[in-house]
Amino acid sequence: MTIPTLRSLARQARRLDQHLHRVETVLAAMRHGNALHLHFSRNGPVWMLTDGTLVHDTAAKAAIEHAHVASVGDGLFSSGPSQTYRYIAT
């Protein structure tokens, strides 16, 4: 078992802060009317907001799990994921 050092804990905290900031940025853009789109390329899934901003894969996956984000249901196959997600205000 390894004991974490102050540097490694600080590095982990910085990464978590960056991740949460990315997710919050995506959610803020979606609150203002942007939709989150998924399409597939040769290199894998590509997430993009309506305004053209590319979104990191982990940030997009965390954003679509938010309680106020809903899928539009426009998947290519019925068993696959939706390709458009919108923010639903309550």
PDB file of N, CA and C in Angstrom:
ATOM      1  N   MET A   1       0.838  -1.173   0.000  1.00  0.00           N
ATOM      2  CA  MET A   1       0.000   0.000   0.000  1.00  0.00           C
ATOM      3  C   MET A   1       0.885   1.238   0.000  1.00  0.00           C
ATOM      4  N   THR A   2       0.547   2.167  -0.872  1.00  0.00           N
ATOM      5  CA  THR A   2       1.328   3.395  -0.933  1.00  0.00           C
ATOM      6  C   THR A   2       0.603   4.501  -0.179  1.00  0.00           C
ATOM      7  N   ILE A   3       1.386   5.361   0.379  1.00  0.00           N
ATOM      8  CA  ILE A   3       0.840   6.499   1.111  1.00  0.00           C
ATOM      9  C   ILE A   3       0.912   7.717   0.197  1.00  0.00           C
ATOM     10  N   PRO A   4      -0.220   8.385  -0.032  1.00  0.00           N
ATOM     11  CA  PRO A   4      -0.194   9.543  -0.919  1.00  0.00           C
ATOM     12  C   PRO A   4       0.600  10.694  -0.311  1.00  0.00           C
ATOM     13  N   THR A   5       1.306  11.379  -1.183  1.00  0.00           N
ATOM     14  CA  THR A   5       2.067  12.543  -0.737  1.00  0.00           C
ATOM     15  C   THR A   5       1.226  13.799  -0.940  1.00  0.00           C
ATOM     16  N   LEU A   6       1.708  14.893  -0.403  1.00  0.00           N
ATOM     17  CA  LEU A   6       1.000  16.155  -0.587  1.00  0.00           C
ATOM     18  C   LEU A   6       0.918  16.533  -2.059  1.00  0.00           C
ATOM     19  N   ARG A   7       1.993  16.292  -2.800  1.00  0.00           N
ATOM     20  CA  ARG A   7       1.991  16.612  -4.234  1.00  0.00           C
ATOM     21  C   ARG A   7       0.988  15.763  -4.996  1.00  0.00           C
ATOM     22  N   SER A   8       0.940  14.473  -4.691  1.00  0.00           N
ATOM     23  CA  SER A   8       0.006  13.610  -5.420  1.00  0.00           C
ATOM     24  C   SER A   8      -1.442  13.961  -5.072  1.00  0.00           C
ATOM     25  N   LEU A   9      -1.705  14.302  -3.824  1.00  0.00           N
ATOM     26  CA  LEU A   9      -3.053  14.728  -3.439  1.00  0.00           C
ATOM     27  C   LEU A   9      -3.428  16.047  -4.099  1.00  0.00           C
ATOM     28  N   ALA A  10      -2.480  16.964  -4.188  1.00  0.00           N
ATOM     29  CA  ALA A  10      -2.737  18.244  -4.846  1.00  0.00           C
ATOM     30  C   ALA A  10      -3.001  18.035  -6.339  1.00  0.00           C
ATOM     31  N   ARG A  11      -2.253  17.131  -6.957  1.00  0.00           N
ATOM     32  CA  ARG A  11      -2.437  16.821  -8.376  1.00  0.00           C
ATOM     33  C   ARG A  11      -3.821  16.219  -8.615  1.00  0.00           C
ATOM     34  N   GLN A  12      -4.241  15.305  -7.749  1.00  0.00           N
ATOM     35  CA  GLN A  12      -5.571  14.706  -7.863  1.00  0.00           C
ATOM     36  C   GLN A  12      -6.662  15.767  -7.693  1.00  0.00           C
ATOM     37  N   ALA A  13      -6.484  16.646  -6.747  1.00  0.00           N
ATOM     38  CA  ALA A  13      -7.467  17.701  -6.502  1.00  0.00           C
ATOM     39  C   ALA A  13      -7.561  18.647  -7.701  1.00  0.00           C
ATOM     40  N   ARG A  14      -6.397  18.973  -8.310  1.00  0.00           N
ATOM     41  CA  ARG A  14      -6.387  19.837  -9.489  1.00  0.00           C
ATOM     42  C   ARG A  14      -7.121  19.176 -10.644  1.00  0.00           C
ATOM     43  N   ARG A  15      -6.877  17.889 -10.868  1.00  0.00           N
ATOM     44  CA  ARG A  15      -7.556  17.163 -11.952  1.00  0.00           C
ATOM     45  C   ARG A  15      -9.067  17.125 -11.724  1.00  0.00           C
ATOM     46  N   LEU A  16      -9.474  16.882 -10.496  1.00  0.00           N
ATOM     47  CA  LEU A  16     -10.898  16.855 -10.181  1.00  0.00           C
ATOM     48  C   LEU A  16     -11.520  18.232 -10.384  1.00  0.00           C
ATOM     49  N   ASP A  17     -10.834  19.284  -9.963  1.00  0.00           N
ATOM     50  CA  ASP A  17     -11.333  20.640 -10.163  1.00  0.00           C
ATOM     51  C   ASP A  17     -11.485  20.961 -11.648  1.00  0.00           C
ATOM     52  N   GLN A  18     -10.497  20.558 -12.458  1.00  0.00           N
ATOM     53  CA  GLN A  18     -10.570  20.791 -13.900  1.00  0.00           C
ATOM     54  C   GLN A  18     -11.749  20.043 -14.515  1.00  0.00           C
ATOM     55  N   HIS A  19     -11.936  18.797 -14.097  1.00  0.00           N
ATOM     56  CA  HIS A  19     -13.038  17.989 -14.615  1.00  0.00           C
ATOM     57  C   HIS A  19     -14.380  18.622 -14.255  1.00  0.00           C
ATOM     58  N   LEU A  20     -14.546  19.007 -12.989  1.00  0.00           N
ATOM     59  CA  LEU A  20     -15.801  19.620 -12.563  1.00  0.00           C
ATOM     60  C   LEU A  20     -16.044  20.957 -13.252  1.00  0.00           C
ATOM     61  N   HIS A  21     -14.974  21.698 -13.512  1.00  0.00           N
ATOM     62  CA  HIS A  21     -15.104  22.968 -14.232  1.00  0.00           C
ATOM     63  C   HIS A  21     -15.569  22.724 -15.668  1.00  0.00           C
ATOM     64  N   ARG A  22     -15.005  21.704 -16.330  1.00  0.00           N
ATOM     65  CA  ARG A  22     -15.440  21.367 -17.695  1.00  0.00           C
ATOM     66  C   ARG A  22     -16.914  20.991 -17.722  1.00  0.00           C
ATOM     67  N   VAL A  23     -17.333  20.162 -16.782  1.00  0.00           N
ATOM     68  CA  VAL A  23     -18.732  19.736 -16.725  1.00  0.00           C
ATOM     69  C   VAL A  23     -19.637  20.936 -16.487  1.00  0.00           C
ATOM     70  N   GLU A  24     -19.280  21.797 -15.556  1.00  0.00           N
ATOM     71  CA  GLU A  24     -20.100  22.973 -15.262  1.00  0.00           C
ATOM     72  C   GLU A  24     -20.151  23.926 -16.446  1.00  0.00           C
ATOM     73  N   THR A  25     -19.062  24.041 -17.208  1.00  0.00           N
ATOM     74  CA  THR A  25     -19.053  24.881 -18.395  1.00  0.00           C
ATOM     75  C   THR A  25     -20.028  24.344 -19.434  1.00  0.00           C
ATOM     76  N   VAL A  26     -20.046  23.031 -19.626  1.00  0.00           N
ATOM     77  CA  VAL A  26     -20.975  22.408 -20.572  1.00  0.00           C
ATOM     78  C   VAL A  26     -22.410  22.629 -20.116  1.00  0.00           C
ATOM     79  N   LEU A  27     -22.675  22.404 -18.842  1.00  0.00           N
ATOM     80  CA  LEU A  27     -24.032  22.587 -18.325  1.00  0.00           C
ATOM     81  C   LEU A  27     -24.485  24.049 -18.429  1.00  0.00           C
ATOM     82  N   ALA A  28     -23.590  24.977 -18.194  1.00  0.00           N
ATOM     83  CA  ALA A  28     -23.940  26.397 -18.315  1.00  0.00           C
ATOM     84  C   ALA A  28     -24.289  26.741 -19.759  1.00  0.00           C
ATOM     85  N   ALA A  29     -23.529  26.218 -20.702  1.00  0.00           N
ATOM     86  CA  ALA A  29     -23.835  26.459 -22.122  1.00  0.00           C
ATOM     87  C   ALA A  29     -25.177  25.832 -22.494  1.00  0.00           C
ATOM     88  N   MET A  30     -25.454  24.660 -21.945  1.00  0.00           N
ATOM     89  CA  MET A  30     -26.725  23.998 -22.239  1.00  0.00           C
ATOM     90  C   MET A  30     -27.892  24.755 -21.594  1.00  0.00           C
ATOM     91  N   ARG A  31     -27.677  25.339 -20.427  1.00  0.00           N
ATOM     92  CA  ARG A  31     -28.721  26.144 -19.790  1.00  0.00           C
ATOM     93  C   ARG A  31     -29.090  27.348 -20.648  1.00  0.00           C
ATOM     94  N   HIS A  32     -28.120  27.846 -21.408  1.00  0.00           N
ATOM     95  CA  HIS A  32     -28.343  29.022 -22.250  1.00  0.00           C
ATOM     96  C   HIS A  32     -28.840  28.649 -23.644  1.00  0.00           C
ATOM     97  N   GLY A  33     -29.217  27.388 -23.851  1.00  0.00           N
ATOM     98  CA  GLY A  33     -29.847  27.008 -25.115  1.00  0.00           C
ATOM     99  C   GLY A  33     -29.052  26.107 -26.030  1.00  0.00           C
ATOM    100  N   ASN A  34     -27.798  25.862 -25.745  1.00  0.00           N
ATOM    101  CA  ASN A  34     -27.023  24.960 -26.598  1.00  0.00           C
ATOM    102  C   ASN A  34     -27.434  23.515 -26.354  1.00  0.00           C
ATOM    103  N   ALA A  35     -27.369  22.722 -27.394  1.00  0.00           N
ATOM    104  CA  ALA A  35     -27.599  21.289 -27.269  1.00  0.00           C
ATOM    105  C   ALA A  35     -26.250  20.586 -27.369  1.00  0.00           C
ATOM    106  N   LEU A  36     -26.167  19.418 -26.776  1.00  0.00           N
ATOM    107  CA  LEU A  36     -24.941  18.616 -26.817  1.00  0.00           C
ATOM    108  C   LEU A  36     -25.153  17.506 -27.840  1.00  0.00           C
ATOM    109  N   HIS A  37     -24.282  17.455 -28.840  1.00  0.00           N
ATOM    110  CA  HIS A  37     -24.414  16.493 -29.927  1.00  0.00           C
ATOM    111  C   HIS A  37     -23.278  15.474 -29.876  1.00  0.00           C
ATOM    112  N   LEU A  38     -23.605  14.250 -30.200  1.00  0.00           N
ATOM    113  CA  LEU A  38     -22.634  13.158 -30.272  1.00  0.00           C
ATOM    114  C   LEU A  38     -22.592  12.653 -31.704  1.00  0.00           C
ATOM    115  N   HIS A  39     -21.402  12.531 -32.251  1.00  0.00           N
ATOM    116  CA  HIS A  39     -21.250  11.820 -33.513  1.00  0.00           C
ATOM    117  C   HIS A  39     -19.979  10.988 -33.438  1.00  0.00           C
ATOM    118  N   PHE A  40     -19.891  10.029 -34.294  1.00  0.00           N
ATOM    119  CA  PHE A  40     -18.785   9.080 -34.251  1.00  0.00           C
ATOM    120  C   PHE A  40     -17.860   9.302 -35.429  1.00  0.00           C
ATOM    121  N   SER A  41     -16.566   9.271 -35.152  1.00  0.00           N
ATOM    122  CA  SER A  41     -15.549   9.380 -36.193  1.00  0.00           C
ATOM    123  C   SER A  41     -14.683   8.131 -36.141  1.00  0.00           C
ATOM    124  N   ARG A  42     -13.687   8.098 -36.954  1.00  0.00           N
ATOM    125  CA  ARG A  42     -12.774   6.951 -36.954  1.00  0.00           C
ATOM    126  C   ARG A  42     -12.053   6.798 -35.621  1.00  0.00           C
ATOM    127  N   ASN A  43     -11.847   7.905 -34.961  1.00  0.00           N
ATOM    128  CA  ASN A  43     -11.108   7.894 -33.696  1.00  0.00           C
ATOM    129  C   ASN A  43     -11.999   7.690 -32.480  1.00  0.00           C
ATOM    130  N   GLY A  44     -13.294   7.559 -32.680  1.00  0.00           N
ATOM    131  CA  GLY A  44     -14.205   7.348 -31.561  1.00  0.00           C
ATOM    132  C   GLY A  44     -15.256   8.425 -31.480  1.00  0.00           C
ATOM    133  N   PRO A  45     -15.945   8.505 -30.349  1.00  0.00           N
ATOM    134  CA  PRO A  45     -17.025   9.479 -30.209  1.00  0.00           C
ATOM    135  C   PRO A  45     -16.499  10.910 -30.123  1.00  0.00           C
ATOM    136  N   VAL A  46     -17.252  11.831 -30.740  1.00  0.00           N
ATOM    137  CA  VAL A  46     -16.923  13.254 -30.702  1.00  0.00           C
ATOM    138  C   VAL A  46     -18.161  13.980 -30.165  1.00  0.00           C
ATOM    139  N   TRP A  47     -17.962  14.744 -29.097  1.00  0.00           N
ATOM    140  CA  TRP A  47     -19.037  15.509 -28.479  1.00  0.00           C
ATOM    141  C   TRP A  47     -18.845  16.968 -28.833  1.00  0.00           C
ATOM    142  N   MET A  48     -19.946  17.638 -29.207  1.00  0.00           N
ATOM    143  CA  MET A  48     -19.855  19.037 -29.604  1.00  0.00           C
ATOM    144  C   MET A  48     -21.131  19.762 -29.203  1.00  0.00           C
ATOM    145  N   LEU A  49     -20.959  20.985 -28.744  1.00  0.00           N
ATOM    146  CA  LEU A  49     -22.105  21.837 -28.455  1.00  0.00           C
ATOM    147  C   LEU A  49     -22.604  22.464 -29.757  1.00  0.00           C
ATOM    148  N   THR A  50     -23.816  22.977 -29.724  1.00  0.00           N
ATOM    149  CA  THR A  50     -24.408  23.578 -30.913  1.00  0.00           C
ATOM    150  C   THR A  50     -23.573  24.738 -31.439  1.00  0.00           C
ATOM    151  N   ASP A  51     -22.899  25.469 -30.569  1.00  0.00           N
ATOM    152  CA  ASP A  51     -22.089  26.606 -30.997  1.00  0.00           C
ATOM    153  C   ASP A  51     -20.741  26.196 -31.582  1.00  0.00           C
ATOM    154  N   GLY A  52     -20.471  24.897 -31.662  1.00  0.00           N
ATOM    155  CA  GLY A  52     -19.240  24.407 -32.270  1.00  0.00           C
ATOM    156  C   GLY A  52     -18.130  24.081 -31.294  1.00  0.00           C
ATOM    157  N   THR A  53     -18.353  24.251 -30.013  1.00  0.00           N
ATOM    158  CA  THR A  53     -17.344  23.967 -29.003  1.00  0.00           C
ATOM    159  C   THR A  53     -17.204  22.458 -28.811  1.00  0.00           C
ATOM    160  N   LEU A  54     -15.990  21.952 -28.946  1.00  0.00           N
ATOM    161  CA  LEU A  54     -15.746  20.542 -28.683  1.00  0.00           C
ATOM    162  C   LEU A  54     -15.746  20.303 -27.181  1.00  0.00           C
ATOM    163  N   VAL A  55     -16.292  19.163 -26.785  1.00  0.00           N
ATOM    164  CA  VAL A  55     -16.414  18.827 -25.373  1.00  0.00           C
ATOM    165  C   VAL A  55     -15.654  17.536 -25.118  1.00  0.00           C
ATOM    166  N   HIS A  56     -14.869  17.501 -24.055  1.00  0.00           N
ATOM    167  CA  HIS A  56     -14.121  16.306 -23.687  1.00  0.00           C
ATOM    168  C   HIS A  56     -15.083  15.169 -23.373  1.00  0.00           C
ATOM    169  N   ASP A  57     -14.704  13.953 -23.725  1.00  0.00           N
ATOM    170  CA  ASP A  57     -15.573  12.782 -23.598  1.00  0.00           C
ATOM    171  C   ASP A  57     -16.052  12.570 -22.161  1.00  0.00           C
ATOM    172  N   THR A  58     -15.158  12.653 -21.193  1.00  0.00           N
ATOM    173  CA  THR A  58     -15.565  12.411 -19.808  1.00  0.00           C
ATOM    174  C   THR A  58     -16.476  13.512 -19.283  1.00  0.00           C
ATOM    175  N   ALA A  59     -16.249  14.761 -19.724  1.00  0.00           N
ATOM    176  CA  ALA A  59     -17.110  15.863 -19.304  1.00  0.00           C
ATOM    177  C   ALA A  59     -18.508  15.711 -19.901  1.00  0.00           C
ATOM    178  N   ALA A  60     -18.580  15.279 -21.142  1.00  0.00           N
ATOM    179  CA  ALA A  60     -19.883  15.083 -21.782  1.00  0.00           C
ATOM    180  C   ALA A  60     -20.653  13.950 -21.118  1.00  0.00           C
ATOM    181  N   LYS A  61     -19.971  12.860 -20.814  1.00  0.00           N
ATOM    182  CA  LYS A  61     -20.640  11.733 -20.163  1.00  0.00           C
ATOM    183  C   LYS A  61     -21.140  12.117 -18.779  1.00  0.00           C
ATOM    184  N   ALA A  62     -20.385  12.938 -18.071  1.00  0.00           N
ATOM    185  CA  ALA A  62     -20.839  13.396 -16.759  1.00  0.00           C
ATOM    186  C   ALA A  62     -22.004  14.372 -16.903  1.00  0.00           C
ATOM    187  N   ALA A  63     -21.981  15.206 -17.936  1.00  0.00           N
ATOM    188  CA  ALA A  63     -23.048  16.189 -18.139  1.00  0.00           C
ATOM    189  C   ALA A  63     -24.374  15.514 -18.490  1.00  0.00           C
ATOM    190  N   ILE A  64     -24.334  14.452 -19.293  1.00  0.00           N
ATOM    191  CA  ILE A  64     -25.599  13.820 -19.681  1.00  0.00           C
ATOM    192  C   ILE A  64     -26.219  13.022 -18.546  1.00  0.00           C
ATOM    193  N   GLU A  65     -25.458  12.791 -17.476  1.00  0.00           N
ATOM    194  CA  GLU A  65     -26.008  12.121 -16.302  1.00  0.00           C
ATOM    195  C   GLU A  65     -26.681  13.091 -15.337  1.00  0.00           C
ATOM    196  N   HIS A  66     -26.585  14.386 -15.626  1.00  0.00           N
ATOM    197  CA  HIS A  66     -27.195  15.404 -14.778  1.00  0.00           C
ATOM    198  C   HIS A  66     -28.715  15.254 -14.817  1.00  0.00           C
ATOM    199  N   ALA A  67     -29.373  15.573 -13.723  1.00  0.00           N
ATOM    200  CA  ALA A  67     -30.818  15.375 -13.598  1.00  0.00           C
ATOM    201  C   ALA A  67     -31.627  16.233 -14.567  1.00  0.00           C
ATOM    202  N   HIS A  68     -31.107  17.384 -14.992  1.00  0.00           N
ATOM    203  CA  HIS A  68     -31.851  18.277 -15.873  1.00  0.00           C
ATOM    204  C   HIS A  68     -31.469  18.134 -17.344  1.00  0.00           C
ATOM    205  N   VAL A  69     -30.702  17.130 -17.680  1.00  0.00           N
ATOM    206  CA  VAL A  69     -30.320  16.896 -19.071  1.00  0.00           C
ATOM    207  C   VAL A  69     -31.085  15.681 -19.574  1.00  0.00           C
ATOM    208  N   ALA A  70     -31.744  15.851 -20.727  1.00  0.00           N
ATOM    209  CA  ALA A  70     -32.551  14.769 -21.290  1.00  0.00           C
ATOM    210  C   ALA A  70     -32.126  14.497 -22.726  1.00  0.00           C
ATOM    211  N   SER A  71     -32.231  13.246 -23.118  1.00  0.00           N
ATOM    212  CA  SER A  71     -31.911  12.892 -24.506  1.00  0.00           C
ATOM    213  C   SER A  71     -33.114  13.204 -25.380  1.00  0.00           C
ATOM    214  N   VAL A  72     -32.834  13.589 -26.599  1.00  0.00           N
ATOM    215  CA  VAL A  72     -33.888  13.902 -27.547  1.00  0.00           C
ATOM    216  C   VAL A  72     -34.424  12.613 -28.165  1.00  0.00           C
ATOM    217  N   GLY A  73     -33.628  11.546 -28.138  1.00  0.00           N
ATOM    218  CA  GLY A  73     -34.083  10.256 -28.647  1.00  0.00           C
ATOM    219  C   GLY A  73     -33.863  10.079 -30.131  1.00  0.00           C
ATOM    220  N   ASP A  74     -32.832  10.693 -30.666  1.00  0.00           N
ATOM    221  CA  ASP A  74     -32.584  10.613 -32.102  1.00  0.00           C
ATOM    222  C   ASP A  74     -31.401   9.707 -32.434  1.00  0.00           C
ATOM    223  N   GLY A  75     -31.296   8.574 -31.771  1.00  0.00           N
ATOM    224  CA  GLY A  75     -30.207   7.645 -32.024  1.00  0.00           C
ATOM    225  C   GLY A  75     -30.333   6.964 -33.374  1.00  0.00           C
ATOM    226  N   LEU A  76     -29.218   6.584 -33.937  1.00  0.00           N
ATOM    227  CA  LEU A  76     -29.216   5.914 -35.230  1.00  0.00           C
ATOM    228  C   LEU A  76     -29.859   4.537 -35.128  1.00  0.00           C
ATOM    229  N   PHE A  77     -29.548   3.827 -34.067  1.00  0.00           N
ATOM    230  CA  PHE A  77     -30.146   2.518 -33.826  1.00  0.00           C
ATOM    231  C   PHE A  77     -30.940   2.581 -32.528  1.00  0.00           C
ATOM    232  N   SER A  78     -31.976   1.772 -32.436  1.00  0.00           N
ATOM    233  CA  SER A  78     -32.837   1.832 -31.256  1.00  0.00           C
ATOM    234  C   SER A  78     -32.115   1.398 -29.984  1.00  0.00           C
ATOM    235  N   SER A  79     -31.124   0.542 -30.098  1.00  0.00           N
ATOM    236  CA  SER A  79     -30.401   0.084 -28.916  1.00  0.00           C
ATOM    237  C   SER A  79     -29.198   0.970 -28.571  1.00  0.00           C
ATOM    238  N   GLY A  80     -28.876   1.922 -29.429  1.00  0.00           N
ATOM    239  CA  GLY A  80     -27.717   2.783 -29.208  1.00  0.00           C
ATOM    240  C   GLY A  80     -28.072   4.034 -28.430  1.00  0.00           C
ATOM    241  N   PRO A  81     -27.059   4.828 -28.089  1.00  0.00           N
ATOM    242  CA  PRO A  81     -27.312   6.060 -27.333  1.00  0.00           C
ATOM    243  C   PRO A  81     -27.935   7.137 -28.220  1.00  0.00           C
ATOM    244  N   SER A  82     -28.604   8.064 -27.591  1.00  0.00           N
ATOM    245  CA  SER A  82     -29.139   9.219 -28.306  1.00  0.00           C
ATOM    246  C   SER A  82     -27.970  10.059 -28.804  1.00  0.00           C
ATOM    247  N   GLN A  83     -28.208  10.878 -29.813  1.00  0.00           N
ATOM    248  CA  GLN A  83     -27.128  11.693 -30.346  1.00  0.00           C
ATOM    249  C   GLN A  83     -27.294  13.173 -30.041  1.00  0.00           C
ATOM    250  N   THR A  84     -28.396  13.542 -29.411  1.00  0.00           N
ATOM    251  CA  THR A  84     -28.627  14.930 -29.030  1.00  0.00           C
ATOM    252  C   THR A  84     -29.182  14.976 -27.610  1.00  0.00           C
ATOM    253  N   TYR A  85     -28.636  15.874 -26.819  1.00  0.00           N
ATOM    254  CA  TYR A  85     -29.068  16.050 -25.433  1.00  0.00           C
ATOM    255  C   TYR A  85     -29.349  17.528 -25.200  1.00  0.00           C
ATOM    256  N   ARG A  86     -30.417  17.802 -24.458  1.00  0.00           N
ATOM    257  CA  ARG A  86     -30.807  19.182 -24.160  1.00  0.00           C
ATOM    258  C   ARG A  86     -30.999  19.362 -22.664  1.00  0.00           C
ATOM    259  N   TYR A  87     -30.861  20.597 -22.221  1.00  0.00           N
ATOM    260  CA  TYR A  87     -31.102  20.958 -20.829  1.00  0.00           C
ATOM    261  C   TYR A  87     -32.586  21.220 -20.655  1.00  0.00           C
ATOM    262  N   ILE A  88     -33.201  20.569 -19.705  1.00  0.00           N
ATOM    263  CA  ILE A  88     -34.626  20.720 -19.442  1.00  0.00           C
ATOM    264  C   ILE A  88     -34.785  21.516 -18.154  1.00  0.00           C
ATOM    265  N   ALA A  89     -35.354  22.698 -18.244  1.00  0.00           N
ATOM    266  CA  ALA A  89     -35.564  23.536 -17.071  1.00  0.00           C
ATOM    267  C   ALA A  89     -36.816  23.097 -16.341  1.00  0.00           C
ATOM    268  N   THR A  90     -36.788  23.203 -15.022  1.00  0.00           N
ATOM    269  CA  THR A  90     -37.966  22.830 -14.244  1.00  0.00           C
ATOM    270  C   THR A  90     -38.685  24.049 -13.734  1.00  0.00           C
TER     271      THR A  90
END
